[in-house]
Amino acid sequence: MKAFLKSLTFGIIFILAVGFGISVYILQAPSVAQTKAPKFQLHTRTAVRGRPTVNSKPLAYTTDVYRFSLERQYISNLNSAILEREHLFSAALTHRAKLKGKDLDKALKTATDWQKMFASLTERMRFRPSASVLEVLVSGEEWLLKDVSGAGYTVTRTGNQIDIYLPDLKNAFDTNKIVLSADMEISTERRDKQWSIKDKKREQTYTIKSGDEKLIVYQQSKPEILTFLFEVDLASRTALEKGDLSTELIRGFETLKIPLSRRVQVLASEDGGNWTLKNQSQKYNIRNENDRLRVYLDLDSEWFRIRASDEIIGWVQRSRGTIFEPPPPMLSSRQLAKKRLLALIEKVKMKVGTSNEENKTADAASG
């Protein structure tokens, strides 16, 4: 019996030691990485202004970056907002089923009403017959059909019928080393002339313009949003606690050519360690970080300070672009375990506190 109790005691001590070691290991999990700063993307070529006032003159223009050129056949993908190769419809060859090789090539080219076929067998897609071309890819088996705009469709023979497909524009992007995600939005700016592809997952936007012989693909520039503006020492805190701005803070705004109105409001946070400045349509955050007061531009402001290049730094209106919030950081299994363990400890502490309060109340009642 004594041997059993001794073994049981050692077993309990071992389990407690292992549990303690695991708990310490979990609680020492590294801190969760801070979320990256949001990014501001301009929608179009937008004037960058030298200061945040409506009537300021343009300083420069952001430019879209040339990526590559495409054959005009991909107009059919862009107009239909479908990037990948897709089957549109099938049609019977009827009396042409007996034709082969060049005879079938000629029949499809000269004796086929493609306009009527597209109108009757597709819902929204229309084929413009004027100056249409049927290029032979494999005689009697595969062709490339193009209309007057250059929009192309792949035609293949399968038994006694032909199948019409959209080309594969996504593969063309892959070939040029640009991988598009599945979360995309395609819009037509001007039919047969200009389109945009917005890759929401990768936060990239591509503009495609129709040239004389090719389609030109541009990647829209993404100027950096400068949330951090400048920093000052803690001496400015005294003025902020009184609802005022120190001379050093005012000088920092003047250096960046940011005009402050006489009615600028200084609002303290609940803990008193941070402040918000309201300057008409602009908001700025002042945070106490590492014994320095750092000034940031608030995302609710009407104007944003951007960096288009090392030489071009200016301001642009919020209505000209979109703010992309970064995804939340991914927790490791150890960090998730730490989060659950801390929640459990907090829950136990609350129960112990509640139990102690109930015991005190009972003792007071009995006394």
Protein backbone atom coordinates (compact mmCIF):
# COMPACT_ATOMS: atom_id res chain seq x y z
CA MET A 1 0.00 0.00 0.00
CA LYS A 2 2.82 2.36 0.92
CA ALA A 3 4.56 1.59 -2.36
CA PHE A 4 1.35 2.41 -4.27
CA LEU A 5 0.91 5.73 -2.43
CA LYS A 6 4.55 6.56 -3.03
CA SER A 7 4.20 5.82 -6.77
CA LEU A 8 0.98 7.84 -6.90
CA THR A 9 2.65 10.79 -5.17
CA PHE A 10 5.59 10.73 -7.59
CA GLY A 11 3.15 10.43 -10.49
CA ILE A 12 1.16 13.47 -9.37
CA ILE A 13 4.36 15.47 -8.81
CA PHE A 14 5.61 14.46 -12.28
CA ILE A 15 2.32 15.47 -13.94
CA LEU A 16 2.32 18.80 -12.08
CA ALA A 17 5.93 19.45 -13.07
CA VAL A 18 5.21 18.65 -16.72
CA GLY A 19 2.06 20.81 -16.63
CA PHE A 20 3.99 23.68 -15.04
CA GLY A 21 6.71 23.39 -17.66
CA ILE A 22 4.19 23.38 -20.50
CA SER A 23 2.36 26.39 -19.00
CA VAL A 24 5.62 28.35 -18.68
CA TYR A 25 6.52 27.46 -22.28
CA ILE A 26 3.10 28.63 -23.52
CA LEU A 27 3.13 31.85 -21.47
CA GLN A 28 6.54 32.74 -22.91
CA ALA A 29 5.15 32.67 -26.47
CA PRO A 30 6.41 35.66 -28.50
CA SER A 31 4.16 38.68 -28.80
CA VAL A 32 1.78 38.90 -31.74
CA ALA A 33 3.23 40.93 -34.59
CA GLN A 34 1.67 44.36 -34.89
CA THR A 35 -0.74 44.91 -37.77
CA LYS A 36 0.88 46.75 -40.67
CA ALA A 37 -0.16 50.31 -41.42
CA PRO A 38 -3.09 50.69 -43.87
CA LYS A 39 -2.26 51.62 -47.46
CA PHE A 40 -3.90 54.26 -49.62
CA GLN A 41 -4.29 53.42 -53.33
CA LEU A 42 -5.09 56.07 -55.93
CA HIS A 43 -7.81 55.15 -58.41
CA THR A 44 -6.58 57.17 -61.38
CA ARG A 45 -3.83 59.57 -62.38
CA THR A 46 -4.35 62.02 -59.56
CA ALA A 47 -2.84 65.41 -58.84
CA VAL A 48 -0.54 65.41 -55.83
CA ARG A 49 -0.92 68.75 -54.12
CA GLY A 50 1.69 70.59 -52.13
CA ARG A 51 -0.51 71.24 -49.11
CA PRO A 52 -3.97 70.14 -47.89
CA THR A 53 -6.01 72.98 -49.34
CA VAL A 54 -8.56 72.67 -52.13
CA ASN A 55 -7.16 75.49 -54.27
CA SER A 56 -3.47 74.47 -54.16
CA LYS A 57 -1.75 73.89 -57.48
CA PRO A 58 -0.77 70.38 -58.65
CA LEU A 59 2.78 69.45 -57.73
CA ALA A 60 3.05 66.39 -59.99
CA TYR A 61 1.09 63.42 -61.26
CA THR A 62 1.35 59.80 -60.27
CA THR A 63 1.98 57.50 -63.22
CA ASP A 64 0.84 53.99 -64.07
CA VAL A 65 3.63 51.47 -64.70
CA TYR A 66 3.81 49.65 -68.07
CA ARG A 67 3.82 45.86 -67.55
CA PHE A 68 3.36 44.11 -70.92
CA SER A 69 1.41 44.00 -74.20
CA LEU A 70 -1.34 41.59 -75.29
CA GLU A 71 -2.92 40.48 -78.54
CA ARG A 72 -6.26 42.18 -79.21
CA GLN A 73 -8.12 38.85 -79.14
CA TYR A 74 -8.40 39.22 -75.32
CA ILE A 75 -10.91 42.05 -75.81
CA SER A 76 -13.54 39.30 -75.74
CA ASN A 77 -12.46 38.37 -72.18
CA LEU A 78 -12.43 41.97 -70.99
CA ASN A 79 -15.82 42.90 -72.47
CA SER A 80 -17.41 39.80 -70.92
CA ALA A 81 -15.55 40.19 -67.58
CA ILE A 82 -14.32 36.57 -67.79
CA LEU A 83 -10.56 36.03 -67.61
CA GLU A 84 -10.17 32.28 -68.02
CA ARG A 85 -10.89 30.10 -71.05
CA GLU A 86 -14.63 29.39 -71.01
CA HIS A 87 -16.95 27.44 -73.30
CA LEU A 88 -19.56 29.75 -74.82
CA PHE A 89 -21.69 27.48 -77.01
CA SER A 90 -21.73 24.57 -79.45
CA ALA A 91 -23.23 24.46 -82.96
CA ALA A 92 -23.92 21.56 -85.31
CA LEU A 93 -21.92 21.40 -88.56
CA THR A 94 -25.01 19.93 -90.34
CA HIS A 95 -24.18 19.43 -94.03
CA ARG A 96 -20.60 20.63 -93.44
CA ALA A 97 -19.86 17.62 -91.22
CA LYS A 98 -18.53 15.74 -94.27
CA LEU A 99 -16.03 18.49 -95.11
CA LYS A 100 -12.42 18.20 -94.03
CA GLY A 101 -9.25 20.27 -94.07
CA LYS A 102 -9.25 23.32 -96.33
CA ASP A 103 -12.80 22.70 -97.51
CA LEU A 104 -14.09 23.09 -93.95
CA ASP A 105 -11.81 26.10 -93.37
CA LYS A 106 -13.36 27.83 -96.39
CA ALA A 107 -16.94 26.94 -95.44
CA LEU A 108 -16.61 28.31 -91.92
CA LYS A 109 -14.94 31.44 -93.24
CA THR A 110 -17.29 32.33 -96.10
CA ALA A 111 -20.58 30.54 -95.49
CA THR A 112 -21.16 30.89 -91.73
CA ASP A 113 -23.34 33.60 -90.17
CA TRP A 114 -21.33 34.14 -87.00
CA GLN A 115 -23.34 37.21 -86.00
CA LYS A 116 -26.60 35.25 -86.01
CA MET A 117 -24.98 32.33 -84.21
CA PHE A 118 -23.70 34.53 -81.35
CA ALA A 119 -27.03 36.37 -81.10
CA SER A 120 -29.07 33.16 -80.82
CA LEU A 121 -26.72 31.05 -78.69
CA THR A 122 -25.34 33.62 -76.18
CA GLU A 123 -27.21 35.98 -73.85
CA ARG A 124 -25.12 39.16 -73.78
CA MET A 125 -22.18 38.49 -76.10
CA ARG A 126 -22.43 40.00 -79.57
CA PHE A 127 -20.24 39.42 -82.62
CA ARG A 128 -19.59 42.32 -84.98
CA PRO A 129 -19.26 40.75 -88.48
CA SER A 130 -17.74 43.72 -90.29
CA ALA A 131 -14.11 42.93 -91.25
CA SER A 132 -14.25 39.64 -89.33
CA VAL A 133 -11.34 37.21 -89.73
CA LEU A 134 -11.09 33.44 -89.30
CA GLU A 135 -7.46 32.42 -88.84
CA VAL A 136 -6.63 28.75 -89.36
CA LEU A 137 -4.68 27.31 -86.43
CA VAL A 138 -4.97 23.64 -87.37
CA SER A 139 -6.65 23.07 -90.75
CA GLY A 140 -10.03 21.41 -90.35
CA GLU A 141 -9.68 21.25 -86.53
CA GLU A 142 -9.05 24.61 -84.85
CA TRP A 143 -9.50 28.29 -85.75
CA LEU A 144 -9.27 31.78 -84.23
CA LEU A 145 -12.32 33.93 -84.98
CA LYS A 146 -11.98 37.74 -84.70
CA ASP A 147 -14.52 40.52 -85.20
CA VAL A 148 -13.96 44.12 -86.28
CA SER A 149 -12.74 45.20 -82.81
CA GLY A 150 -10.18 42.41 -82.72
CA ALA A 151 -12.04 40.42 -80.04
CA GLY A 152 -11.14 36.78 -80.54
CA TYR A 153 -12.77 33.39 -79.94
CA THR A 154 -11.26 29.93 -80.26
CA VAL A 155 -13.27 27.56 -82.49
CA THR A 156 -12.62 23.81 -82.33
CA ARG A 157 -14.19 20.84 -84.11
CA THR A 158 -15.51 17.97 -81.98
CA GLY A 159 -17.10 15.25 -84.09
CA ASN A 160 -20.01 16.74 -86.03
CA GLN A 161 -20.10 20.03 -84.16
CA ILE A 162 -17.96 23.09 -83.41
CA ASP A 163 -17.31 24.53 -79.95
CA ILE A 164 -16.62 28.22 -79.34
CA TYR A 165 -14.43 29.30 -76.39
CA LEU A 166 -13.17 32.53 -74.86
CA PRO A 167 -9.35 32.79 -74.86
CA ASP A 168 -7.40 32.40 -71.59
CA LEU A 169 -6.41 35.90 -70.44
CA LYS A 170 -5.41 34.69 -66.98
CA ASN A 171 -2.79 32.44 -68.57
CA ALA A 172 -1.45 35.45 -70.47
CA PHE A 173 -0.94 37.25 -67.12
CA ASP A 174 0.77 34.13 -65.70
CA THR A 175 3.09 33.99 -68.73
CA ASN A 176 4.13 37.57 -68.00
CA LYS A 177 4.81 36.65 -64.34
CA ILE A 178 1.77 38.38 -62.89
CA VAL A 179 -0.37 35.99 -60.86
CA LEU A 180 -3.99 37.07 -60.34
CA SER A 181 -6.01 35.85 -57.37
CA ALA A 182 -9.53 34.43 -57.59
CA ASP A 183 -10.98 37.54 -55.89
CA MET A 184 -11.10 39.95 -58.84
CA GLU A 185 -13.37 42.64 -60.16
CA ILE A 186 -13.32 43.47 -63.90
CA SER A 187 -14.95 46.63 -65.18
CA THR A 188 -15.24 48.24 -68.61
CA GLU A 189 -14.30 51.93 -68.68
CA ARG A 190 -14.94 52.26 -72.44
CA ARG A 191 -16.11 49.26 -74.44
CA ASP A 192 -13.41 47.96 -76.78
CA LYS A 193 -11.10 50.74 -75.53
CA GLN A 194 -10.26 50.60 -71.81
CA TRP A 195 -10.79 48.22 -68.87
CA SER A 196 -9.61 47.76 -65.30
CA ILE A 197 -8.87 44.58 -63.33
CA LYS A 198 -8.92 44.98 -59.57
CA ASP A 199 -7.23 42.17 -57.67
CA LYS A 200 -8.78 42.60 -54.22
CA LYS A 201 -6.73 39.94 -52.46
CA ARG A 202 -3.37 41.29 -53.64
CA GLU A 203 -4.54 44.92 -53.52
CA GLN A 204 -3.43 45.59 -57.08
CA THR A 205 -5.26 47.31 -59.93
CA TYR A 206 -4.39 46.96 -63.63
CA THR A 207 -5.55 49.28 -66.40
CA ILE A 208 -5.72 47.82 -69.92
CA LYS A 209 -5.87 50.22 -72.85
CA SER A 210 -6.45 49.49 -76.51
CA GLY A 211 -3.51 50.55 -78.69
CA ASP A 212 -3.25 50.58 -82.48
CA GLU A 213 -2.27 46.91 -82.73
CA LYS A 214 -1.96 45.65 -79.14
CA LEU A 215 -3.58 45.87 -75.74
CA ILE A 216 -1.30 47.66 -73.26
CA VAL A 217 -1.37 46.54 -69.61
CA TYR A 218 -0.45 49.07 -66.90
CA GLN A 219 -0.23 48.53 -63.17
CA GLN A 220 -1.68 51.44 -61.24
CA SER A 221 0.86 53.11 -58.98
CA LYS A 222 0.37 52.71 -55.23
CA PRO A 223 1.76 55.74 -53.38
CA GLU A 224 2.57 55.07 -49.75
CA ILE A 225 0.27 56.55 -47.15
CA LEU A 226 2.39 58.40 -44.61
CA THR A 227 0.51 58.00 -41.35
CA PHE A 228 3.58 59.07 -39.36
CA LEU A 229 4.40 62.77 -39.79
CA PHE A 230 6.97 63.84 -37.18
CA GLU A 231 7.93 63.53 -33.50
CA VAL A 232 8.80 65.86 -30.61
CA ASP A 233 10.09 65.36 -27.07
CA LEU A 234 7.92 64.88 -23.99
CA ALA A 235 8.18 68.57 -23.02
CA SER A 236 5.20 69.23 -25.32
CA ARG A 237 3.02 67.07 -23.08
CA THR A 238 2.53 69.92 -20.59
CA ALA A 239 0.82 72.09 -23.24
CA LEU A 240 -1.29 69.17 -24.48
CA GLU A 241 -2.58 68.44 -20.97
CA LYS A 242 -3.84 72.04 -20.91
CA GLY A 243 -5.54 71.61 -24.28
CA ASP A 244 -2.92 73.64 -26.17
CA LEU A 245 -0.13 73.01 -28.69
CA SER A 246 3.50 73.64 -27.81
CA THR A 247 5.75 75.76 -29.99
CA GLU A 248 7.64 72.61 -31.02
CA LEU A 249 4.43 70.89 -32.20
CA ILE A 250 3.31 73.96 -34.16
CA ARG A 251 6.76 74.17 -35.77
CA GLY A 252 6.52 70.51 -36.80
CA PHE A 253 3.23 71.12 -38.65
CA GLU A 254 4.64 74.28 -40.28
CA THR A 255 7.71 72.38 -41.54
CA LEU A 256 5.36 69.98 -43.40
CA LYS A 257 3.33 72.93 -44.71
CA ILE A 258 0.25 71.80 -42.78
CA PRO A 259 -1.84 74.86 -41.88
CA LEU A 260 -3.49 74.80 -38.46
CA SER A 261 -6.61 76.85 -37.83
CA ARG A 262 -7.03 78.96 -34.70
CA ARG A 263 -9.87 76.68 -33.63
CA VAL A 264 -7.84 73.48 -33.59
CA GLN A 265 -9.17 71.14 -30.87
CA VAL A 266 -6.96 69.09 -28.56
CA LEU A 267 -8.81 66.06 -27.16
CA ALA A 268 -7.19 63.71 -24.62
CA SER A 269 -7.80 59.95 -24.63
CA GLU A 270 -9.41 58.21 -21.68
CA ASP A 271 -6.05 57.20 -20.21
CA GLY A 272 -4.60 60.66 -20.82
CA GLY A 273 -1.53 59.31 -22.61
CA ASN A 274 -2.61 60.09 -26.19
CA TRP A 275 -4.32 63.01 -27.87
CA THR A 276 -6.35 63.74 -31.00
CA LEU A 277 -6.11 67.03 -32.87
CA LYS A 278 -9.15 68.14 -34.87
CA ASN A 279 -8.23 70.73 -37.47
CA GLN A 280 -11.34 71.35 -39.61
CA SER A 281 -11.57 68.29 -41.93
CA GLN A 282 -8.23 66.92 -40.75
CA LYS A 283 -7.46 64.72 -37.73
CA TYR A 284 -4.09 63.92 -36.20
CA ASN A 285 -3.13 61.46 -33.45
CA ILE A 286 -0.38 62.22 -30.94
CA ARG A 287 0.94 59.12 -29.16
CA ASN A 288 3.43 58.73 -26.34
CA GLU A 289 5.84 56.09 -27.67
CA ASN A 290 9.30 55.31 -26.25
CA ASP A 291 9.45 58.62 -24.37
CA ARG A 292 8.69 60.60 -27.53
CA LEU A 293 5.48 62.22 -28.76
CA ARG A 294 4.85 60.93 -32.29
CA VAL A 295 2.32 62.66 -34.58
CA TYR A 296 0.27 60.57 -37.04
CA LEU A 297 -2.33 61.42 -39.69
CA ASP A 298 -5.73 59.98 -38.78
CA LEU A 299 -7.52 57.82 -41.40
CA ASP A 300 -10.73 59.83 -40.97
CA SER A 301 -9.06 62.89 -42.52
CA GLU A 302 -10.18 64.36 -45.85
CA TRP A 303 -6.64 64.70 -47.20
CA PHE A 304 -3.77 62.19 -47.14
CA ARG A 305 -0.07 62.83 -47.33
CA ILE A 306 1.47 60.44 -49.88
CA ARG A 307 4.88 59.62 -51.30
CA ALA A 308 4.71 59.03 -55.06
CA SER A 309 8.51 58.92 -55.25
CA ASP A 310 11.51 60.17 -53.29
CA GLU A 311 11.13 63.55 -54.96
CA ILE A 312 7.32 63.75 -55.06
CA ILE A 313 5.70 64.04 -51.65
CA GLY A 314 2.37 65.81 -51.34
CA TRP A 315 -1.30 65.62 -50.50
CA VAL A 316 -4.28 64.00 -52.20
CA GLN A 317 -7.98 63.96 -51.34
CA ARG A 318 -9.43 60.83 -49.73
CA SER A 319 -12.18 60.70 -52.41
CA ARG A 320 -9.49 59.96 -55.04
CA GLY A 321 -8.53 56.60 -53.57
CA THR A 322 -9.30 53.64 -51.34
CA ILE A 323 -7.83 52.64 -47.99
CA PHE A 324 -6.82 48.98 -47.78
CA GLU A 325 -6.81 47.67 -44.24
CA PRO A 326 -4.12 44.99 -43.74
CA PRO A 327 -5.28 41.50 -42.74
CA PRO A 328 -5.02 40.69 -39.01
CA PRO A 329 -1.82 38.87 -37.99
CA MET A 330 -1.95 35.07 -37.99
CA LEU A 331 -1.42 33.52 -34.55
CA SER A 332 0.81 30.47 -34.15
CA SER A 333 -0.53 27.41 -32.28
CA ARG A 334 1.59 28.45 -29.28
CA GLN A 335 0.19 31.99 -29.31
CA LEU A 336 -3.37 30.63 -29.58
CA ALA A 337 -2.69 28.34 -26.61
CA LYS A 338 -1.34 31.32 -24.65
CA LYS A 339 -4.48 33.31 -25.45
CA ARG A 340 -6.73 30.47 -24.23
CA LEU A 341 -4.61 29.88 -21.11
CA LEU A 342 -4.72 33.57 -20.12
CA ALA A 343 -8.49 33.57 -20.65
CA LEU A 344 -8.79 30.49 -18.41
CA ILE A 345 -6.63 32.09 -15.70
CA GLU A 346 -8.75 35.25 -15.86
CA LYS A 347 -11.93 33.17 -15.59
CA VAL A 348 -10.58 31.31 -12.53
CA LYS A 349 -9.55 34.59 -10.88
CA MET A 350 -13.06 35.98 -11.40
CA LYS A 351 -14.63 32.87 -9.85
CA VAL A 352 -12.25 33.01 -6.87
CA GLY A 353 -13.00 36.71 -6.43
CA THR A 354 -16.75 36.08 -6.58
CA SER A 355 -16.44 33.22 -4.07
CA ASN A 356 -14.46 35.41 -1.64
CA GLU A 357 -17.05 38.18 -1.90
CA GLU A 358 -19.84 35.68 -1.16
CA ASN A 359 -17.93 34.32 1.90
CA LYS A 360 -17.40 37.85 3.23
CA THR A 361 -21.09 38.64 2.78
CA ALA A 362 -22.05 35.41 4.56
CA ASP A 363 -19.67 36.13 7.45
CA ALA A 364 -21.00 39.66 7.81
CA ALA A 365 -24.58 38.37 7.85
CA SER A 366 -23.82 35.71 10.48
CA GLY A 367 -21.84 38.19 12.61
